[in-house]
Amino acid sequence: MSDVQALKELIVKLCREDHVGLWMVVNHVRDAFPRAEAAELRLITLAMLYELLERGVTQAGFPTLDGRGFNGWETGVAESVDRIEDAWESLHRDPTIGEIVWFAATDQEVRKDSSA
């Protein structure tokens, strides 16, 4: 199994358990690719997120104030990833806790997991 495939599976698993901030995804990618330059790290992360969003297993947005719910963005996959990329680039550094976006498993993914 490739490092990227293992990362995608890990992110989906984490999203089933709780909301996952972009900073967490970036940290996992960095751990898997410790020699990656910042630009390469961003490309790997964005490509992975694009695939997870496109497959419909995760959604981008923010947790509700009480942390129990999730407010998903009402944007398409490409627009969501572009939004993440633009915000990340404007930081001029990697995102930290709470910045830019969070991810959650979709209802489809949660149902799949609970029926297994």
N, C-alpha and C. Protein backbone atom coordinates (compact mmCIF):
# COMPACT_ATOMS: atom_id res chain seq x y z
N MET A 1 0.85 -1.17 0.00
CA MET A 1 0.00 0.00 0.00
C MET A 1 0.90 1.24 0.00
N SER A 2 0.54 2.22 -0.81
CA SER A 2 1.35 3.43 -0.89
C SER A 2 1.14 4.30 0.34
N ASP A 3 2.11 5.18 0.57
CA ASP A 3 1.99 6.11 1.69
C ASP A 3 0.75 6.98 1.56
N VAL A 4 0.46 7.43 0.33
CA VAL A 4 -0.71 8.28 0.12
C VAL A 4 -2.00 7.52 0.39
N GLN A 5 -2.07 6.27 -0.08
CA GLN A 5 -3.27 5.47 0.16
C GLN A 5 -3.47 5.24 1.66
N ALA A 6 -2.40 4.93 2.35
CA ALA A 6 -2.49 4.74 3.81
C ALA A 6 -2.94 6.02 4.50
N LEU A 7 -2.45 7.16 4.03
CA LEU A 7 -2.86 8.45 4.61
C LEU A 7 -4.34 8.71 4.38
N LYS A 8 -4.82 8.44 3.18
CA LYS A 8 -6.25 8.64 2.88
C LYS A 8 -7.11 7.79 3.80
N GLU A 9 -6.72 6.54 3.98
CA GLU A 9 -7.48 5.66 4.87
C GLU A 9 -7.44 6.16 6.31
N LEU A 10 -6.29 6.65 6.74
CA LEU A 10 -6.17 7.20 8.09
C LEU A 10 -7.06 8.43 8.27
N ILE A 11 -7.05 9.33 7.30
CA ILE A 11 -7.86 10.55 7.41
C ILE A 11 -9.34 10.20 7.46
N VAL A 12 -9.79 9.28 6.63
CA VAL A 12 -11.20 8.87 6.67
C VAL A 12 -11.53 8.26 8.02
N LYS A 13 -10.66 7.41 8.54
CA LYS A 13 -10.87 6.80 9.86
C LYS A 13 -10.99 7.89 10.93
N LEU A 14 -10.08 8.85 10.91
CA LEU A 14 -10.11 9.93 11.90
C LEU A 14 -11.39 10.77 11.76
N CYS A 15 -11.82 10.99 10.52
CA CYS A 15 -13.05 11.76 10.29
C CYS A 15 -14.29 11.03 10.80
N ARG A 16 -14.25 9.70 10.80
CA ARG A 16 -15.38 8.94 11.35
C ARG A 16 -15.46 9.12 12.86
N GLU A 17 -14.30 9.36 13.49
CA GLU A 17 -14.24 9.46 14.95
C GLU A 17 -14.50 10.87 15.46
N ASP A 18 -14.09 11.88 14.69
CA ASP A 18 -14.20 13.27 15.14
C ASP A 18 -13.92 14.19 13.96
N HIS A 19 -14.10 15.48 14.16
CA HIS A 19 -13.75 16.45 13.13
C HIS A 19 -12.24 16.55 13.07
N VAL A 20 -11.72 16.71 11.85
CA VAL A 20 -10.28 16.72 11.63
C VAL A 20 -9.89 18.04 10.98
N GLY A 21 -9.04 18.80 11.65
CA GLY A 21 -8.58 20.07 11.11
C GLY A 21 -7.53 19.88 10.04
N LEU A 22 -7.46 20.85 9.13
CA LEU A 22 -6.44 20.79 8.08
C LEU A 22 -5.05 20.65 8.66
N TRP A 23 -4.79 21.32 9.77
CA TRP A 23 -3.47 21.24 10.39
C TRP A 23 -3.11 19.80 10.75
N MET A 24 -4.11 19.00 11.13
CA MET A 24 -3.85 17.59 11.46
C MET A 24 -3.48 16.81 10.20
N VAL A 25 -4.21 17.07 9.12
CA VAL A 25 -3.92 16.39 7.86
C VAL A 25 -2.50 16.73 7.42
N VAL A 26 -2.15 18.01 7.48
CA VAL A 26 -0.81 18.44 7.08
C VAL A 26 0.26 17.75 7.93
N ASN A 27 0.03 17.65 9.21
CA ASN A 27 1.00 16.97 10.08
C ASN A 27 1.18 15.50 9.72
N HIS A 28 0.08 14.83 9.38
CA HIS A 28 0.18 13.42 8.97
C HIS A 28 0.94 13.29 7.65
N VAL A 29 0.67 14.19 6.72
CA VAL A 29 1.39 14.15 5.44
C VAL A 29 2.88 14.41 5.68
N ARG A 30 3.19 15.37 6.51
CA ARG A 30 4.59 15.68 6.81
C ARG A 30 5.29 14.47 7.44
N ASP A 31 4.59 13.78 8.34
CA ASP A 31 5.17 12.59 8.97
C ASP A 31 5.45 11.49 7.94
N ALA A 32 4.56 11.36 6.95
CA ALA A 32 4.72 10.32 5.93
C ALA A 32 5.77 10.69 4.90
N PHE A 33 5.97 11.99 4.69
CA PHE A 33 6.92 12.48 3.70
C PHE A 33 7.85 13.51 4.33
N PRO A 34 8.72 13.08 5.24
CA PRO A 34 9.54 14.02 6.00
C PRO A 34 10.53 14.83 5.16
N ARG A 35 10.85 14.36 3.99
CA ARG A 35 11.81 15.08 3.14
C ARG A 35 11.13 16.01 2.13
N ALA A 36 9.81 16.06 2.15
CA ALA A 36 9.08 16.90 1.19
C ALA A 36 9.27 18.38 1.51
N GLU A 37 9.49 19.15 0.46
CA GLU A 37 9.54 20.61 0.59
C GLU A 37 8.12 21.12 0.83
N ALA A 38 8.00 22.35 1.27
CA ALA A 38 6.69 22.93 1.60
C ALA A 38 5.71 22.86 0.43
N ALA A 39 6.18 23.19 -0.77
CA ALA A 39 5.30 23.18 -1.94
C ALA A 39 4.83 21.76 -2.27
N GLU A 40 5.73 20.80 -2.15
CA GLU A 40 5.38 19.41 -2.41
C GLU A 40 4.39 18.90 -1.36
N LEU A 41 4.62 19.26 -0.12
CA LEU A 41 3.72 18.89 0.97
C LEU A 41 2.30 19.41 0.69
N ARG A 42 2.22 20.64 0.24
CA ARG A 42 0.92 21.24 -0.07
C ARG A 42 0.25 20.50 -1.22
N LEU A 43 1.02 20.18 -2.27
CA LEU A 43 0.44 19.47 -3.42
C LEU A 43 -0.08 18.09 -3.04
N ILE A 44 0.70 17.35 -2.26
CA ILE A 44 0.27 16.02 -1.82
C ILE A 44 -1.01 16.14 -1.00
N THR A 45 -1.03 17.07 -0.08
CA THR A 45 -2.19 17.26 0.79
C THR A 45 -3.43 17.63 -0.01
N LEU A 46 -3.30 18.61 -0.91
CA LEU A 46 -4.45 19.07 -1.69
C LEU A 46 -4.97 17.98 -2.62
N ALA A 47 -4.07 17.22 -3.23
CA ALA A 47 -4.50 16.13 -4.11
C ALA A 47 -5.24 15.05 -3.33
N MET A 48 -4.74 14.74 -2.16
CA MET A 48 -5.39 13.74 -1.32
C MET A 48 -6.77 14.22 -0.89
N LEU A 49 -6.85 15.48 -0.45
CA LEU A 49 -8.14 16.03 -0.03
C LEU A 49 -9.13 16.08 -1.19
N TYR A 50 -8.65 16.44 -2.37
CA TYR A 50 -9.51 16.48 -3.55
C TYR A 50 -10.15 15.11 -3.76
N GLU A 51 -9.33 14.07 -3.71
CA GLU A 51 -9.86 12.73 -3.94
C GLU A 51 -10.87 12.33 -2.87
N LEU A 52 -10.58 12.62 -1.61
CA LEU A 52 -11.51 12.25 -0.53
C LEU A 52 -12.84 13.01 -0.66
N LEU A 53 -12.77 14.27 -1.03
CA LEU A 53 -13.99 15.05 -1.23
C LEU A 53 -14.75 14.56 -2.45
N GLU A 54 -14.03 14.27 -3.52
CA GLU A 54 -14.66 13.81 -4.75
C GLU A 54 -15.34 12.45 -4.56
N ARG A 55 -14.72 11.58 -3.79
CA ARG A 55 -15.31 10.26 -3.51
C ARG A 55 -16.53 10.37 -2.61
N GLY A 56 -16.70 11.53 -1.98
CA GLY A 56 -17.86 11.74 -1.13
C GLY A 56 -17.74 11.11 0.24
N VAL A 57 -16.53 10.80 0.68
CA VAL A 57 -16.35 10.18 2.00
C VAL A 57 -16.06 11.20 3.08
N THR A 58 -15.64 12.40 2.67
CA THR A 58 -15.43 13.49 3.62
C THR A 58 -16.10 14.74 3.10
N GLN A 59 -16.32 15.68 4.00
CA GLN A 59 -16.84 16.98 3.62
C GLN A 59 -16.01 18.05 4.31
N ALA A 60 -15.90 19.19 3.65
CA ALA A 60 -15.13 20.31 4.19
C ALA A 60 -16.09 21.30 4.84
N GLY A 61 -15.63 21.96 5.90
CA GLY A 61 -16.46 22.95 6.58
C GLY A 61 -15.88 23.25 7.95
N PHE A 62 -16.78 23.51 8.90
CA PHE A 62 -16.36 23.82 10.26
C PHE A 62 -17.30 23.15 11.26
N PRO A 63 -16.77 22.73 12.40
CA PRO A 63 -17.65 22.21 13.46
C PRO A 63 -18.58 23.32 13.96
N THR A 64 -19.73 22.92 14.44
CA THR A 64 -20.63 23.88 15.07
C THR A 64 -19.99 24.36 16.38
N LEU A 65 -20.50 25.45 16.92
CA LEU A 65 -19.92 26.02 18.14
C LEU A 65 -19.87 25.02 19.29
N ASP A 66 -20.86 24.15 19.40
CA ASP A 66 -20.85 23.16 20.49
C ASP A 66 -19.98 21.95 20.16
N GLY A 67 -19.46 21.88 18.93
CA GLY A 67 -18.57 20.79 18.54
C GLY A 67 -19.28 19.49 18.20
N ARG A 68 -20.58 19.46 18.33
CA ARG A 68 -21.32 18.21 18.08
C ARG A 68 -21.73 18.06 16.63
N GLY A 69 -22.00 19.17 15.97
CA GLY A 69 -22.43 19.12 14.58
C GLY A 69 -21.34 19.62 13.65
N PHE A 70 -21.68 19.68 12.39
CA PHE A 70 -20.71 20.11 11.39
C PHE A 70 -21.44 20.90 10.32
N ASN A 71 -20.91 22.07 10.00
CA ASN A 71 -21.46 22.90 8.93
C ASN A 71 -20.59 22.75 7.69
N GLY A 72 -21.05 21.89 6.78
CA GLY A 72 -20.30 21.65 5.56
C GLY A 72 -20.40 22.82 4.60
N TRP A 73 -19.32 23.03 3.87
CA TRP A 73 -19.34 24.06 2.84
C TRP A 73 -20.30 23.64 1.74
N GLU A 74 -20.99 24.59 1.18
CA GLU A 74 -21.93 24.32 0.09
C GLU A 74 -21.26 24.63 -1.23
N THR A 75 -20.06 24.09 -1.41
CA THR A 75 -19.30 24.31 -2.64
C THR A 75 -18.94 22.97 -3.26
N GLY A 76 -18.64 23.00 -4.53
CA GLY A 76 -18.19 21.80 -5.20
C GLY A 76 -16.78 21.44 -4.78
N VAL A 77 -16.33 20.28 -5.21
CA VAL A 77 -15.01 19.79 -4.83
C VAL A 77 -13.90 20.74 -5.28
N ALA A 78 -13.89 21.09 -6.55
CA ALA A 78 -12.83 21.95 -7.07
C ALA A 78 -12.83 23.30 -6.37
N GLU A 79 -14.01 23.88 -6.16
CA GLU A 79 -14.08 25.17 -5.48
C GLU A 79 -13.61 25.07 -4.04
N SER A 80 -13.94 23.98 -3.36
CA SER A 80 -13.50 23.78 -1.98
C SER A 80 -11.98 23.68 -1.90
N VAL A 81 -11.39 22.89 -2.79
CA VAL A 81 -9.94 22.71 -2.78
C VAL A 81 -9.24 24.01 -3.17
N ASP A 82 -9.80 24.73 -4.14
CA ASP A 82 -9.23 26.04 -4.51
C ASP A 82 -9.28 27.00 -3.32
N ARG A 83 -10.38 26.98 -2.59
CA ARG A 83 -10.54 27.84 -1.42
C ARG A 83 -9.48 27.50 -0.36
N ILE A 84 -9.27 26.21 -0.14
CA ILE A 84 -8.26 25.77 0.83
C ILE A 84 -6.87 26.20 0.37
N GLU A 85 -6.58 25.97 -0.90
CA GLU A 85 -5.26 26.32 -1.43
C GLU A 85 -5.01 27.82 -1.33
N ASP A 86 -5.98 28.63 -1.71
CA ASP A 86 -5.81 30.09 -1.65
C ASP A 86 -5.58 30.56 -0.22
N ALA A 87 -6.35 30.04 0.72
CA ALA A 87 -6.20 30.45 2.12
C ALA A 87 -4.85 29.99 2.68
N TRP A 88 -4.44 28.78 2.30
CA TRP A 88 -3.16 28.24 2.76
C TRP A 88 -2.01 29.09 2.23
N GLU A 89 -2.06 29.40 0.94
CA GLU A 89 -1.00 30.22 0.35
C GLU A 89 -0.94 31.61 0.99
N SER A 90 -2.08 32.16 1.33
CA SER A 90 -2.11 33.51 1.92
C SER A 90 -1.51 33.52 3.34
N LEU A 91 -1.46 32.37 3.99
CA LEU A 91 -0.83 32.30 5.31
C LEU A 91 0.69 32.44 5.23
N HIS A 92 1.27 32.01 4.12
CA HIS A 92 2.72 31.97 3.94
C HIS A 92 3.40 31.04 4.95
N ARG A 93 2.65 30.04 5.39
CA ARG A 93 3.14 29.02 6.31
C ARG A 93 2.09 27.92 6.34
N ASP A 94 2.40 26.84 7.03
CA ASP A 94 1.41 25.78 7.18
C ASP A 94 0.32 26.22 8.17
N PRO A 95 -0.90 25.75 7.97
CA PRO A 95 -1.98 26.10 8.89
C PRO A 95 -1.77 25.47 10.26
N THR A 96 -2.31 26.14 11.27
CA THR A 96 -2.29 25.61 12.63
C THR A 96 -3.72 25.35 13.06
N ILE A 97 -3.89 24.92 14.29
CA ILE A 97 -5.19 24.49 14.79
C ILE A 97 -6.28 25.55 14.55
N GLY A 98 -7.37 25.06 13.98
CA GLY A 98 -8.54 25.89 13.74
C GLY A 98 -8.52 26.71 12.48
N GLU A 99 -7.40 26.75 11.76
CA GLU A 99 -7.31 27.60 10.58
C GLU A 99 -7.81 26.91 9.31
N ILE A 100 -8.46 27.66 8.50
CA ILE A 100 -8.88 27.38 7.12
C ILE A 100 -10.08 26.45 7.02
N VAL A 101 -9.95 25.21 7.47
CA VAL A 101 -11.03 24.23 7.23
C VAL A 101 -10.87 23.02 8.15
N TRP A 102 -11.98 22.37 8.36
CA TRP A 102 -12.03 21.09 9.07
C TRP A 102 -12.70 20.10 8.14
N PHE A 103 -12.58 18.83 8.47
CA PHE A 103 -13.19 17.77 7.67
C PHE A 103 -13.98 16.83 8.58
N ALA A 104 -15.04 16.28 8.03
CA ALA A 104 -15.87 15.31 8.74
C ALA A 104 -16.26 14.22 7.76
N ALA A 105 -16.52 13.05 8.28
CA ALA A 105 -17.04 11.97 7.44
C ALA A 105 -18.43 12.37 6.98
N THR A 106 -18.77 11.99 5.78
CA THR A 106 -20.11 12.26 5.28
C THR A 106 -21.09 11.27 5.91
N ASP A 107 -22.36 11.59 5.84
CA ASP A 107 -23.38 10.67 6.36
C ASP A 107 -23.23 9.30 5.70
N GLN A 108 -22.92 9.30 4.41
CA GLN A 108 -22.73 8.05 3.66
C GLN A 108 -21.61 7.24 4.27
N GLU A 109 -20.50 7.88 4.61
CA GLU A 109 -19.35 7.18 5.17
C GLU A 109 -19.64 6.70 6.59
N VAL A 110 -20.34 7.48 7.38
CA VAL A 110 -20.68 7.08 8.74
C VAL A 110 -21.60 5.87 8.71
N ARG A 111 -22.61 5.89 7.82
CA ARG A 111 -23.52 4.74 7.71
C ARG A 111 -22.76 3.49 7.28
N LYS A 112 -21.82 3.64 6.32
CA LYS A 112 -21.04 2.51 5.84
C LYS A 112 -20.23 1.90 6.99
N ASP A 113 -19.62 2.76 7.80
CA ASP A 113 -18.78 2.33 8.89
C ASP A 113 -19.62 1.62 9.97
N SER A 114 -20.78 2.14 10.26
CA SER A 114 -21.60 1.55 11.34
C SER A 114 -22.25 0.24 10.90
N SER A 115 -22.35 -0.01 9.60
CA SER A 115 -22.95 -1.27 9.15
C SER A 115 -21.91 -2.37 8.98
N ALA A 116 -20.64 -2.01 9.15
CA ALA A 116 -19.57 -3.01 8.96
C ALA A 116 -19.46 -3.94 10.16
